C-alpha cells in the first residue's frame, strides 16, 4: 500500500520478526535512534513505531536494557489478516482520572528505562492509556514536562536540617545526594542547565541548602554561588559520562567490560612499544570506575576549597 504511513510499514516489519521468532522474548529491540537511521525516518516517527509495538504488547521497557521483546509474545503467531492489532484494554476496571503525579511518575519511568528522547506526549498518553489531549491539563509542552520531572526528582531526597557539622561534611552530603540522583535517573544531567537554570522549587532548595552550608565562612555571596554551581557542575560532568555509557550499551548491546576486552589487543600494541610507560601501569578498571572518579574529584575540589578558606584566614590575620 503506497499510501500507508511509514510508521505502519516499520511496525508491520518488526511485528513479523517478533511473531516469526526472529526476535525472541527478552531480545533487545532497536533503539529509537537506530530505527530512525535504518528506515530513514524522523525520530518522532521512530518513537511512534515503538509506542505502537508497546500498545500491542509485543515489546516492553526494561530498566538498564531499554526496550526488549515482551515475554507475552511467547506462543503468539502472526495474524492472517492485515495488520494493525487493536489497542489492548488495560486491566483494572474503569480508567482512573489522571493526576499530575501519575503523569510525572510515568514520564520519569520512561526516561529512566529508555532515555529522555523516548519521552513524548504521545508516548506518555499510550503508557497511561489516555488520549494525548488529556495530558495538556497537566503540562502544556514537553519542555514543561521535563522541567516538572526535574523538580519531582530533586524532591526525592530529604535534606537534613541543619545537617552534619562542618562545611566540608555538608558539601560532601549534598554532592553525594545529587550523584545518587544522577545514578538513579541517568537522563537528569542532560536536563539541567547552568546558563538557563530551571526555576523549580526542589532544585532551588538544593542550592539554598548548599548556600546555608557556606554561610558564616566569611565569603562574599558571589564566591558562595560560584562554589555551589561548581559542586553541581562536578556531579553533572561525571554523570554525563555515565549516561553516555549507558546509552552506548543500549545502542550497541556491548557492555563496557566487553568493549575493553575487544580493545585489549589494540591497547597492548600501543603500550608494548615503551612509548607510554606510565600509562602501561594503569589498571583498566581505574579508567572505568566512575564512582571512584566522582569521589576523587569531590575530595580534590574540597581540598582546594579548604586551601582557599585557609588563605583568606591568613590574609585577615
C-alpha atoms as a PDB file:
ATOM      1  CA  UNK A   1       0.000   0.000   0.000  1.00  0.00           C
ATOM      2  CA  UNK A   2       1.939   3.045  -1.249  1.00  0.00           C
ATOM      3  CA  UNK A   3      -0.186   5.480   0.799  1.00  0.00           C
ATOM      4  CA  UNK A   4       0.371   3.599   4.056  1.00  0.00           C
ATOM      5  CA  UNK A   5       2.101   5.789   6.679  1.00  0.00           C
ATOM      6  CA  UNK A   6       5.810   4.919   7.082  1.00  0.00           C
ATOM      7  CA  UNK A   7       5.440   4.046  10.743  1.00  0.00           C
ATOM      8  CA  UNK A   8       2.854   1.345   9.924  1.00  0.00           C
ATOM      9  CA  UNK A   9       5.210  -0.329   7.443  1.00  0.00           C
ATOM     10  CA  UNK A  10       8.000  -0.365  10.037  1.00  0.00           C
ATOM     11  CA  UNK A  11       5.632  -1.685  12.722  1.00  0.00           C
ATOM     12  CA  UNK A  12       4.499  -4.470  10.369  1.00  0.00           C
ATOM     13  CA  UNK A  13       8.092  -5.493   9.640  1.00  0.00           C
ATOM     14  CA  UNK A  14       9.137  -5.561  13.299  1.00  0.00           C
ATOM     15  CA  UNK A  15       5.900  -7.301  14.311  1.00  0.00           C
ATOM     16  CA  UNK A  16       6.571 -10.023  11.741  1.00  0.00           C
ATOM     17  CA  UNK A  17      10.118 -10.544  13.040  1.00  0.00           C
ATOM     18  CA  UNK A  18       8.818 -10.892  16.585  1.00  0.00           C
ATOM     19  CA  UNK A  19       5.945 -13.253  15.759  1.00  0.00           C
ATOM     20  CA  UNK A  20       8.115 -15.349  13.404  1.00  0.00           C
ATOM     21  CA  UNK A  21      10.614 -15.859  16.232  1.00  0.00           C
ATOM     22  CA  UNK A  22      13.429 -13.892  14.607  1.00  0.00           C
ATOM     23  CA  UNK A  23      13.264 -11.636  17.659  1.00  0.00           C
ATOM     24  CA  UNK A  24      12.587 -13.704  20.767  1.00  0.00           C
ATOM     25  CA  UNK A  25      11.297 -12.738  24.240  1.00  0.00           C
ATOM     26  CA  UNK A  26      13.968 -10.762  26.074  1.00  0.00           C
ATOM     27  CA  UNK A  27      15.866  -9.792  22.919  1.00  0.00           C
ATOM     28  CA  UNK A  28      16.833  -6.139  22.729  1.00  0.00           C
ATOM     29  CA  UNK A  29      14.849  -4.120  20.210  1.00  0.00           C
ATOM     30  CA  UNK A  30      16.487  -1.456  18.023  1.00  0.00           C
ATOM     31  CA  UNK A  31      16.627   1.873  19.803  1.00  0.00           C
ATOM     32  CA  UNK A  32      14.553   4.808  18.591  1.00  0.00           C
ATOM     33  CA  UNK A  33      17.686   6.323  17.079  1.00  0.00           C
ATOM     34  CA  UNK A  34      18.562   3.073  15.302  1.00  0.00           C
ATOM     35  CA  UNK A  35      15.024   2.782  13.892  1.00  0.00           C
ATOM     36  CA  UNK A  36      15.249   6.353  12.601  1.00  0.00           C
ATOM     37  CA  UNK A  37      18.611   5.720  10.951  1.00  0.00           C
ATOM     38  CA  UNK A  38      17.807   2.301   9.492  1.00  0.00           C
ATOM     39  CA  UNK A  39      14.485   3.264   7.907  1.00  0.00           C
ATOM     40  CA  UNK A  40      15.383   6.876   7.179  1.00  0.00           C
ATOM     41  CA  UNK A  41      12.548   8.366   9.215  1.00  0.00           C
ATOM     42  CA  UNK A  42      12.296  11.127  11.785  1.00  0.00           C
ATOM     43  CA  UNK A  43      12.848  10.413  15.466  1.00  0.00           C
ATOM     44  CA  UNK A  44       9.178  11.239  16.091  1.00  0.00           C
ATOM     45  CA  UNK A  45       8.177   8.529  13.600  1.00  0.00           C
ATOM     46  CA  UNK A  46      10.536   6.022  15.210  1.00  0.00           C
ATOM     47  CA  UNK A  47       9.073   6.887  18.619  1.00  0.00           C
ATOM     48  CA  UNK A  48       5.589   6.232  17.244  1.00  0.00           C
ATOM     49  CA  UNK A  49       6.771   2.826  15.959  1.00  0.00           C
ATOM     50  CA  UNK A  50       7.911   1.715  19.397  1.00  0.00           C
ATOM     51  CA  UNK A  51       4.749   3.098  21.017  1.00  0.00           C
ATOM     52  CA  UNK A  52       2.604   1.065  18.598  1.00  0.00           C
ATOM     53  CA  UNK A  53       4.527  -2.142  19.309  1.00  0.00           C
ATOM     54  CA  UNK A  54       4.206  -1.449  23.028  1.00  0.00           C
ATOM     55  CA  UNK A  55       0.454  -0.902  22.701  1.00  0.00           C
ATOM     56  CA  UNK A  56       0.163  -4.328  21.040  1.00  0.00           C
ATOM     57  CA  UNK A  57       2.007  -5.916  23.964  1.00  0.00           C
ATOM     58  CA  UNK A  58       4.901  -7.001  21.750  1.00  0.00           C
ATOM     59  CA  UNK A  59       7.652  -5.024  23.491  1.00  0.00           C
ATOM     60  CA  UNK A  60       8.234  -3.604  26.946  1.00  0.00           C
ATOM     61  CA  UNK A  61      10.658  -1.234  28.642  1.00  0.00           C
ATOM     62  CA  UNK A  62      13.202  -2.820  30.940  1.00  0.00           C
ATOM     63  CA  UNK A  63      15.384  -0.669  33.197  1.00  0.00           C
ATOM     64  CA  UNK A  64      19.027  -0.956  32.163  1.00  0.00           C
ATOM     65  CA  UNK A  65      18.236  -2.739  28.905  1.00  0.00           C
ATOM     66  CA  UNK A  66      15.964  -0.347  27.038  1.00  0.00           C
ATOM     67  CA  UNK A  67      13.116  -1.835  25.006  1.00  0.00           C
ATOM     68  CA  UNK A  68      13.010  -5.637  24.702  1.00  0.00           C
ATOM     69  CA  UNK A  69      10.638  -8.189  23.212  1.00  0.00           C
ATOM     70  CA  UNK A  70       7.915  -8.918  25.742  1.00  0.00           C
ATOM     71  CA  UNK A  71       7.663 -12.354  27.361  1.00  0.00           C
ATOM     72  CA  UNK A  72       3.958 -12.222  26.497  1.00  0.00           C
ATOM     73  CA  UNK A  73       4.816 -12.856  22.827  1.00  0.00           C
ATOM     74  CA  UNK A  74       5.731 -16.486  23.552  1.00  0.00           C
ATOM     75  CA  UNK A  75       3.310 -18.753  21.700  1.00  0.00           C
ATOM     76  CA  UNK A  76       1.750 -15.954  19.678  1.00  0.00           C
ATOM     77  CA  UNK A  77       1.703 -16.282  15.909  1.00  0.00           C
ATOM     78  CA  UNK A  78       1.460 -13.786  13.109  1.00  0.00           C
ATOM     79  CA  UNK A  79      -2.133 -12.756  12.329  1.00  0.00           C
ATOM     80  CA  UNK A  80      -3.522 -13.882   8.972  1.00  0.00           C
ATOM     81  CA  UNK A  81      -5.134 -10.607   8.055  1.00  0.00           C
ATOM     82  CA  UNK A  82      -3.510  -7.233   7.575  1.00  0.00           C
ATOM     83  CA  UNK A  83      -2.237  -5.865  10.288  1.00  0.00           C
ATOM     84  CA  UNK A  84      -2.975  -3.439  12.870  1.00  0.00           C
ATOM     85  CA  UNK A  85      -3.831  -5.038  16.157  1.00  0.00           C
ATOM     86  CA  UNK A  86      -6.411  -3.269  18.292  1.00  0.00           C
ATOM     87  CA  UNK A  87      -5.243  -1.292  21.267  1.00  0.00           C
ATOM     88  CA  UNK A  88      -5.255  -3.593  24.298  1.00  0.00           C
ATOM     89  CA  UNK A  89      -7.672  -2.787  27.090  1.00  0.00           C
ATOM     90  CA  UNK A  90      -5.951  -2.075  30.367  1.00  0.00           C
ATOM     91  CA  UNK A  91      -6.868  -4.241  33.287  1.00  0.00           C
ATOM     92  CA  UNK A  92      -8.301  -2.885  36.463  1.00  0.00           C
ATOM     93  CA  UNK A  93     -11.784  -1.689  35.579  1.00  0.00           C
ATOM     94  CA  UNK A  94     -12.745   1.849  34.643  1.00  0.00           C
ATOM     95  CA  UNK A  95      -9.933   4.223  33.843  1.00  0.00           C
ATOM     96  CA  UNK A  96      -8.990   6.449  36.757  1.00  0.00           C
ATOM     97  CA  UNK A  97      -8.715  10.186  36.300  1.00  0.00           C
ATOM     98  CA  UNK A  98      -5.176  11.308  35.591  1.00  0.00           C
ATOM     99  CA  UNK A  99      -3.328  13.424  38.119  1.00  0.00           C
ATOM    100  CA  UNK A 100      -0.123  15.420  37.820  1.00  0.00           C
ATOM    101  CA  UNK A 101       1.630  12.799  39.934  1.00  0.00           C
ATOM    102  CA  UNK A 102       0.531   9.960  37.598  1.00  0.00           C
ATOM    103  CA  UNK A 103       1.794  11.863  34.588  1.00  0.00           C
ATOM    104  CA  UNK A 104       5.163  12.741  36.127  1.00  0.00           C
ATOM    105  CA  UNK A 105       5.888   9.295  37.543  1.00  0.00           C
ATOM    106  CA  UNK A 106       5.042   7.663  34.198  1.00  0.00           C
ATOM    107  CA  UNK A 107       7.274  10.128  32.327  1.00  0.00           C
ATOM    108  CA  UNK A 108      10.132   9.558  34.771  1.00  0.00           C
ATOM    109  CA  UNK A 109       9.766   5.769  34.413  1.00  0.00           C
ATOM    110  CA  UNK A 110      10.008   6.049  30.605  1.00  0.00           C
ATOM    111  CA  UNK A 111      13.068   8.309  30.829  1.00  0.00           C
ATOM    112  CA  UNK A 112      14.732   6.017  33.389  1.00  0.00           C
ATOM    113  CA  UNK A 113      14.286   2.977  31.141  1.00  0.00           C
ATOM    114  CA  UNK A 114      14.813   4.445  27.683  1.00  0.00           C
ATOM    115  CA  UNK A 115      16.235   7.936  27.962  1.00  0.00           C
ATOM    116  CA  UNK A 116      14.834  11.429  27.667  1.00  0.00           C
ATOM    117  CA  UNK A 117      14.364  11.229  23.883  1.00  0.00           C
ATOM    118  CA  UNK A 118      11.778   8.473  24.385  1.00  0.00           C
ATOM    119  CA  UNK A 119       9.517  10.804  26.388  1.00  0.00           C
ATOM    120  CA  UNK A 120       6.815  12.418  24.270  1.00  0.00           C
ATOM    121  CA  UNK A 121       3.232  13.417  24.884  1.00  0.00           C
ATOM    122  CA  UNK A 122       2.015  10.680  22.518  1.00  0.00           C
ATOM    123  CA  UNK A 123       4.167   8.003  24.148  1.00  0.00           C
ATOM    124  CA  UNK A 124       3.162   9.129  27.627  1.00  0.00           C
ATOM    125  CA  UNK A 125      -0.522   9.038  26.690  1.00  0.00           C
ATOM    126  CA  UNK A 126      -0.084   5.488  25.348  1.00  0.00           C
ATOM    127  CA  UNK A 127       1.649   4.430  28.563  1.00  0.00           C
ATOM    128  CA  UNK A 128      -1.193   5.842  30.664  1.00  0.00           C
ATOM    129  CA  UNK A 129      -3.949   4.546  28.381  1.00  0.00           C
ATOM    130  CA  UNK A 130      -5.233   8.068  27.860  1.00  0.00           C
ATOM    131  CA  UNK A 131      -5.782  10.446  24.975  1.00  0.00           C
ATOM    132  CA  UNK A 132      -2.875  12.832  24.314  1.00  0.00           C
ATOM    133  CA  UNK A 133      -5.140  15.841  24.763  1.00  0.00           C
ATOM    134  CA  UNK A 134      -5.951  14.767  28.320  1.00  0.00           C
ATOM    135  CA  UNK A 135      -2.312  15.354  29.295  1.00  0.00           C
ATOM    136  CA  UNK A 136      -2.426  19.023  28.407  1.00  0.00           C
ATOM    137  CA  UNK A 137      -4.476  19.726  31.519  1.00  0.00           C
ATOM    138  CA  UNK A 138      -1.311  18.947  33.486  1.00  0.00           C
ATOM    139  CA  UNK A 139       1.562  20.000  31.157  1.00  0.00           C
ATOM    140  CA  UNK A 140       1.443  22.318  28.155  1.00  0.00           C
ATOM    141  CA  UNK A 141       4.605  21.195  26.323  1.00  0.00           C
ATOM    142  CA  UNK A 142       7.358  18.615  26.520  1.00  0.00           C
ATOM    143  CA  UNK A 143       9.743  21.288  27.834  1.00  0.00           C
ATOM    144  CA  UNK A 144       7.342  21.981  30.696  1.00  0.00           C
ATOM    145  CA  UNK A 145       7.021  18.235  31.299  1.00  0.00           C
ATOM    146  CA  UNK A 146      10.799  17.811  31.562  1.00  0.00           C
ATOM    147  CA  UNK A 147      11.010  20.804  33.902  1.00  0.00           C
ATOM    148  CA  UNK A 148       8.426  19.247  36.202  1.00  0.00           C
ATOM    149  CA  UNK A 149      10.194  15.874  36.001  1.00  0.00           C
ATOM    150  CA  UNK A 150      13.422  17.528  37.202  1.00  0.00           C
ATOM    151  CA  UNK A 151      11.560  19.206  40.054  1.00  0.00           C
ATOM    152  CA  UNK A 152       9.973  15.885  41.047  1.00  0.00           C
ATOM    153  CA  UNK A 153      13.319  14.068  41.043  1.00  0.00           C
ATOM    154  CA  UNK A 154      15.140  16.731  43.066  1.00  0.00           C
ATOM    155  CA  UNK A 155      12.399  16.379  45.659  1.00  0.00           C
ATOM    156  CA  UNK A 156      13.211  12.691  46.261  1.00  0.00           C
ATOM    157  CA  UNK A 157      15.990  13.087  48.880  1.00  0.00           C
ATOM    158  CA  UNK A 158      15.122  14.624  52.219  1.00  0.00           C
ATOM    159  CA  UNK A 159      17.909  17.077  53.000  1.00  0.00           C
ATOM    160  CA  UNK A 160      18.633  17.155  56.750  1.00  0.00           C
ATOM    161  CA  UNK A 161      18.312  20.308  58.808  1.00  0.00           C
ATOM    162  CA  UNK A 162      20.819  21.548  59.774  1.00  0.00           C
ATOM    163  CA  UNK A 163      22.864  18.595  58.502  1.00  0.00           C
ATOM    164  CA  UNK A 164      26.243  17.288  59.703  1.00  0.00           C
ATOM    165  CA  UNK A 165      28.744  19.511  61.481  1.00  0.00           C
ATOM    166  CA  UNK A 166      31.231  21.434  59.387  1.00  0.00           C
ATOM    167  CA  UNK A 167      31.125  22.913  55.904  1.00  0.00           C
ATOM    168  CA  UNK A 168      33.037  20.017  54.339  1.00  0.00           C
ATOM    169  CA  UNK A 169      30.706  17.311  55.632  1.00  0.00           C
ATOM    170  CA  UNK A 170      27.728  19.322  54.435  1.00  0.00           C
ATOM    171  CA  UNK A 171      29.156  19.812  50.924  1.00  0.00           C
ATOM    172  CA  UNK A 172      30.029  16.117  50.722  1.00  0.00           C
ATOM    173  CA  UNK A 173      26.472  15.217  51.695  1.00  0.00           C
ATOM    174  CA  UNK A 174      24.737  17.434  49.115  1.00  0.00           C
ATOM    175  CA  UNK A 175      27.135  16.346  46.351  1.00  0.00           C
ATOM    176  CA  UNK A 176      26.614  12.652  47.076  1.00  0.00           C
ATOM    177  CA  UNK A 177      22.848  13.113  47.193  1.00  0.00           C
ATOM    178  CA  UNK A 178      22.958  14.659  43.733  1.00  0.00           C
ATOM    179  CA  UNK A 179      25.310  11.926  42.493  1.00  0.00           C
ATOM    180  CA  UNK A 180      22.870   9.265  43.643  1.00  0.00           C
ATOM    181  CA  UNK A 181      20.035  11.094  41.871  1.00  0.00           C
ATOM    182  CA  UNK A 182      22.113  11.112  38.682  1.00  0.00           C
ATOM    183  CA  UNK A 183      22.846   7.395  39.015  1.00  0.00           C
ATOM    184  CA  UNK A 184      19.157   6.627  39.554  1.00  0.00           C
ATOM    185  CA  UNK A 185      17.961   8.911  36.747  1.00  0.00           C
ATOM    186  CA  UNK A 186      20.603   8.864  34.010  1.00  0.00           C
ATOM    187  CA  UNK A 187      18.727  11.466  31.942  1.00  0.00           C
ATOM    188  CA  UNK A 188      18.870  14.071  34.712  1.00  0.00           C
ATOM    189  CA  UNK A 189      22.293  15.510  33.839  1.00  0.00           C
ATOM    190  CA  UNK A 190      21.088  16.335  30.317  1.00  0.00           C
ATOM    191  CA  UNK A 191      18.011  18.130  31.612  1.00  0.00           C
ATOM    192  CA  UNK A 192      19.737  20.792  33.730  1.00  0.00           C
ATOM    193  CA  UNK A 193      21.481  23.979  32.596  1.00  0.00           C
ATOM    194  CA  UNK A 194      23.777  26.471  34.302  1.00  0.00           C
ATOM    195  CA  UNK A 195      23.172  29.370  31.937  1.00  0.00           C
ATOM    196  CA  UNK A 196      19.386  28.882  31.812  1.00  0.00           C
ATOM    197  CA  UNK A 197      18.635  27.286  35.172  1.00  0.00           C
ATOM    198  CA  UNK A 198      15.285  25.638  35.807  1.00  0.00           C
ATOM    199  CA  UNK A 199      13.405  27.754  38.315  1.00  0.00           C
ATOM    200  CA  UNK A 200      11.731  24.925  40.202  1.00  0.00           C
ATOM    201  CA  UNK A 201      11.340  24.742  43.992  1.00  0.00           C
ATOM    202  CA  UNK A 202      13.012  21.399  44.730  1.00  0.00           C
ATOM    203  CA  UNK A 203      16.124  22.117  42.683  1.00  0.00           C
ATOM    204  CA  UNK A 204      16.366  25.614  44.173  1.00  0.00           C
ATOM    205  CA  UNK A 205      16.116  24.002  47.630  1.00  0.00           C
ATOM    206  CA  UNK A 206      19.343  22.087  46.902  1.00  0.00           C
ATOM    207  CA  UNK A 207      21.123  25.330  46.005  1.00  0.00           C
ATOM    208  CA  UNK A 208      19.745  27.105  49.080  1.00  0.00           C
ATOM    209  CA  UNK A 209      20.899  24.198  51.295  1.00  0.00           C
ATOM    210  CA  UNK A 210      24.400  24.468  49.802  1.00  0.00           C
ATOM    211  CA  UNK A 211      24.492  28.221  50.385  1.00  0.00           C
ATOM    212  CA  UNK A 212      23.482  27.680  54.028  1.00  0.00           C
ATOM    213  CA  UNK A 213      26.390  25.241  54.356  1.00  0.00           C
ATOM    214  CA  UNK A 214      28.721  28.051  53.226  1.00  0.00           C
ATOM    215  CA  UNK A 215      27.065  30.772  55.271  1.00  0.00           C
ATOM    216  CA  UNK A 216      29.250  32.069  58.094  1.00  0.00           C
ATOM    217  CA  UNK A 217      32.573  31.307  56.362  1.00  0.00           C
ATOM    218  CA  UNK A 218      33.150  34.981  55.640  1.00  0.00           C
ATOM    219  CA  UNK A 219      32.901  34.563  51.865  1.00  0.00           C
ATOM    220  CA  UNK A 220      31.203  37.054  49.541  1.00  0.00           C
ATOM    221  CA  UNK A 221      27.924  35.780  48.083  1.00  0.00           C
ATOM    222  CA  UNK A 222      29.471  35.722  44.598  1.00  0.00           C
ATOM    223  CA  UNK A 223      32.041  33.171  45.804  1.00  0.00           C
ATOM    224  CA  UNK A 224      29.362  31.128  47.580  1.00  0.00           C
ATOM    225  CA  UNK A 225      27.160  30.835  44.483  1.00  0.00           C
ATOM    226  CA  UNK A 226      30.191  30.003  42.340  1.00  0.00           C
ATOM    227  CA  UNK A 227      31.064  27.234  44.781  1.00  0.00           C
ATOM    228  CA  UNK A 228      27.511  25.873  44.725  1.00  0.00           C
ATOM    229  CA  UNK A 229      27.494  25.852  40.911  1.00  0.00           C
ATOM    230  CA  UNK A 230      30.973  24.310  40.721  1.00  0.00           C
ATOM    231  CA  UNK A 231      29.959  21.448  43.011  1.00  0.00           C
ATOM    232  CA  UNK A 232      26.864  20.788  40.922  1.00  0.00           C
ATOM    233  CA  UNK A 233      28.960  21.009  37.761  1.00  0.00           C
ATOM    234  CA  UNK A 234      31.347  18.407  39.139  1.00  0.00           C
ATOM    235  CA  UNK A 235      28.444  15.988  39.642  1.00  0.00           C
ATOM    236  CA  UNK A 236      26.941  16.700  36.221  1.00  0.00           C
ATOM    237  CA  UNK A 237      30.245  16.249  34.362  1.00  0.00           C
ATOM    238  CA  UNK A 238      30.799  12.715  35.630  1.00  0.00           C
ATOM    239  CA  UNK A 239      27.072  11.922  35.397  1.00  0.00           C
ATOM    240  CA  UNK A 240      27.028  12.835  31.686  1.00  0.00           C
ATOM    241  CA  UNK A 241      29.798  10.301  31.061  1.00  0.00           C
ATOM    242  CA  UNK A 242      27.814   7.689  32.968  1.00  0.00           C
ATOM    243  CA  UNK A 243      24.685   8.474  30.926  1.00  0.00           C
ATOM    244  CA  UNK A 244      26.612   8.296  27.642  1.00  0.00           C
ATOM    245  CA  UNK A 245      27.990   4.892  28.598  1.00  0.00           C
ATOM    246  CA  UNK A 246      24.504   3.582  29.414  1.00  0.00           C
ATOM    247  CA  UNK A 247      23.258   4.912  26.060  1.00  0.00           C
ATOM    248  CA  UNK A 248      26.186   3.274  24.233  1.00  0.00           C
ATOM    249  CA  UNK A 249      25.371  -0.071  25.870  1.00  0.00           C
ATOM    250  CA  UNK A 250      21.727   0.221  24.806  1.00  0.00           C
ATOM    251  CA  UNK A 251      22.651   1.273  21.265  1.00  0.00           C
ATOM    252  CA  UNK A 252      25.278  -1.426  20.666  1.00  0.00           C
ATOM    253  CA  UNK A 253      24.404  -4.179  23.131  1.00  0.00           C
ATOM    254  CA  UNK A 254      28.090  -4.201  24.167  1.00  0.00           C
ATOM    255  CA  UNK A 255      28.852  -3.728  27.870  1.00  0.00           C
ATOM    256  CA  UNK A 256      31.826  -1.660  28.977  1.00  0.00           C
ATOM    257  CA  UNK A 257      33.632  -4.816  30.128  1.00  0.00           C
ATOM    258  CA  UNK A 258      33.160  -6.450  26.722  1.00  0.00           C
ATOM    259  CA  UNK A 259      34.257  -3.249  24.984  1.00  0.00           C
ATOM    260  CA  UNK A 260      37.512  -3.183  26.948  1.00  0.00           C
ATOM    261  CA  UNK A 261      38.115  -6.850  26.166  1.00  0.00           C
ATOM    262  CA  UNK A 262      37.674  -6.084  22.476  1.00  0.00           C
ATOM    263  CA  UNK A 263      40.222  -3.256  22.768  1.00  0.00           C
ATOM    264  CA  UNK A 264      42.755  -5.363  24.662  1.00  0.00           C
ATOM    265  CA  UNK A 265      44.882  -6.282  21.636  1.00  0.00           C
ATOM    266  CA  UNK A 266      44.958  -2.710  20.327  1.00  0.00           C
ATOM    267  CA  UNK A 267      45.851  -1.350  23.766  1.00  0.00           C
ATOM    268  CA  UNK A 268      48.586  -3.983  24.074  1.00  0.00           C
ATOM    269  CA  UNK A 269      50.089  -2.907  20.745  1.00  0.00           C
ATOM    270  CA  UNK A 270      50.165   0.768  21.768  1.00  0.00           C
ATOM    271  CA  UNK A 271      51.610   0.121  25.218  1.00  0.00           C
ATOM    272  CA  UNK A 272      54.114  -2.594  24.331  1.00  0.00           C
ATOM    273  CA  UNK A 273      56.494  -0.289  22.474  1.00  0.00           C
ATOM    274  CA  UNK A 274      57.526   1.642  25.579  1.00  0.00           C
ATOM    275  CA  UNK A 275      56.280   4.998  24.326  1.00  0.00           C
ATOM    276  CA  UNK A 276      53.742   5.245  27.147  1.00  0.00           C
ATOM    277  CA  UNK A 277      55.453   3.634  30.172  1.00  0.00           C
ATOM    278  CA  UNK A 278      53.288   5.338  32.777  1.00  0.00           C
ATOM    279  CA  UNK A 279      50.023   4.565  31.011  1.00  0.00           C
ATOM    280  CA  UNK A 280      51.122   0.938  30.829  1.00  0.00           C
ATOM    281  CA  UNK A 281      50.988   0.740  34.633  1.00  0.00           C
ATOM    282  CA  UNK A 282      47.368   1.923  34.885  1.00  0.00           C
ATOM    283  CA  UNK A 283      44.792  -0.747  35.724  1.00  0.00           C
ATOM    284  CA  UNK A 284      41.933  -0.835  33.231  1.00  0.00           C
ATOM    285  CA  UNK A 285      39.247  -0.783  35.894  1.00  0.00           C
ATOM    286  CA  UNK A 286      40.592   2.547  37.209  1.00  0.00           C
ATOM    287  CA  UNK A 287      39.574   4.300  33.998  1.00  0.00           C
ATOM    288  CA  UNK A 288      36.019   2.931  34.004  1.00  0.00           C
ATOM    289  CA  UNK A 289      35.328   3.395  37.743  1.00  0.00           C
ATOM    290  CA  UNK A 290      33.040   6.435  37.569  1.00  0.00           C
ATOM    291  CA  UNK A 291      32.104   6.213  41.259  1.00  0.00           C
ATOM    292  CA  UNK A 292      35.800   6.364  42.077  1.00  0.00           C
ATOM    293  CA  UNK A 293      36.307   9.270  39.683  1.00  0.00           C
ATOM    294  CA  UNK A 294      33.441  11.182  41.290  1.00  0.00           C
ATOM    295  CA  UNK A 295      34.782  10.628  44.823  1.00  0.00           C
ATOM    296  CA  UNK A 296      38.325  11.617  43.787  1.00  0.00           C
ATOM    297  CA  UNK A 297      37.080  14.761  42.027  1.00  0.00           C
ATOM    298  CA  UNK A 298      34.956  15.750  45.015  1.00  0.00           C
ATOM    299  CA  UNK A 299      37.774  15.206  47.512  1.00  0.00           C
ATOM    300  CA  UNK A 300      40.372  17.145  45.490  1.00  0.00           C
ATOM    301  CA  UNK A 301      37.944  20.014  44.861  1.00  0.00           C
ATOM    302  CA  UNK A 302      37.122  20.298  48.560  1.00  0.00           C
ATOM    303  CA  UNK A 303      40.851  20.190  49.375  1.00  0.00           C
ATOM    304  CA  UNK A 304      41.246  23.208  47.110  1.00  0.00           C
ATOM    305  CA  UNK A 305      38.287  24.980  48.692  1.00  0.00           C
ATOM    306  CA  UNK A 306      39.808  24.357  52.142  1.00  0.00           C
ATOM    307  CA  UNK A 307      43.052  25.932  50.896  1.00  0.00           C
ATOM    308  CA  UNK A 308      41.040  28.956  49.718  1.00  0.00           C
ATOM    309  CA  UNK A 309      39.491  29.368  53.167  1.00  0.00           C
ATOM    310  CA  UNK A 310      42.871  28.960  54.870  1.00  0.00           C
ATOM    311  CA  UNK A 311      44.432  31.571  52.612  1.00  0.00           C
ATOM    312  CA  UNK A 312      41.637  34.075  53.324  1.00  0.00           C
ATOM    313  CA  UNK A 313      42.053  33.409  57.058  1.00  0.00           C
ATOM    314  CA  UNK A 314      45.796  34.133  56.898  1.00  0.00           C
ATOM    315  CA  UNK A 315      45.154  37.309  54.916  1.00  0.00           C
ATOM    316  CA  UNK A 316      42.688  38.571  57.530  1.00  0.00           C
ATOM    317  CA  UNK A 317      45.139  37.760  60.315  1.00  0.00           C
END
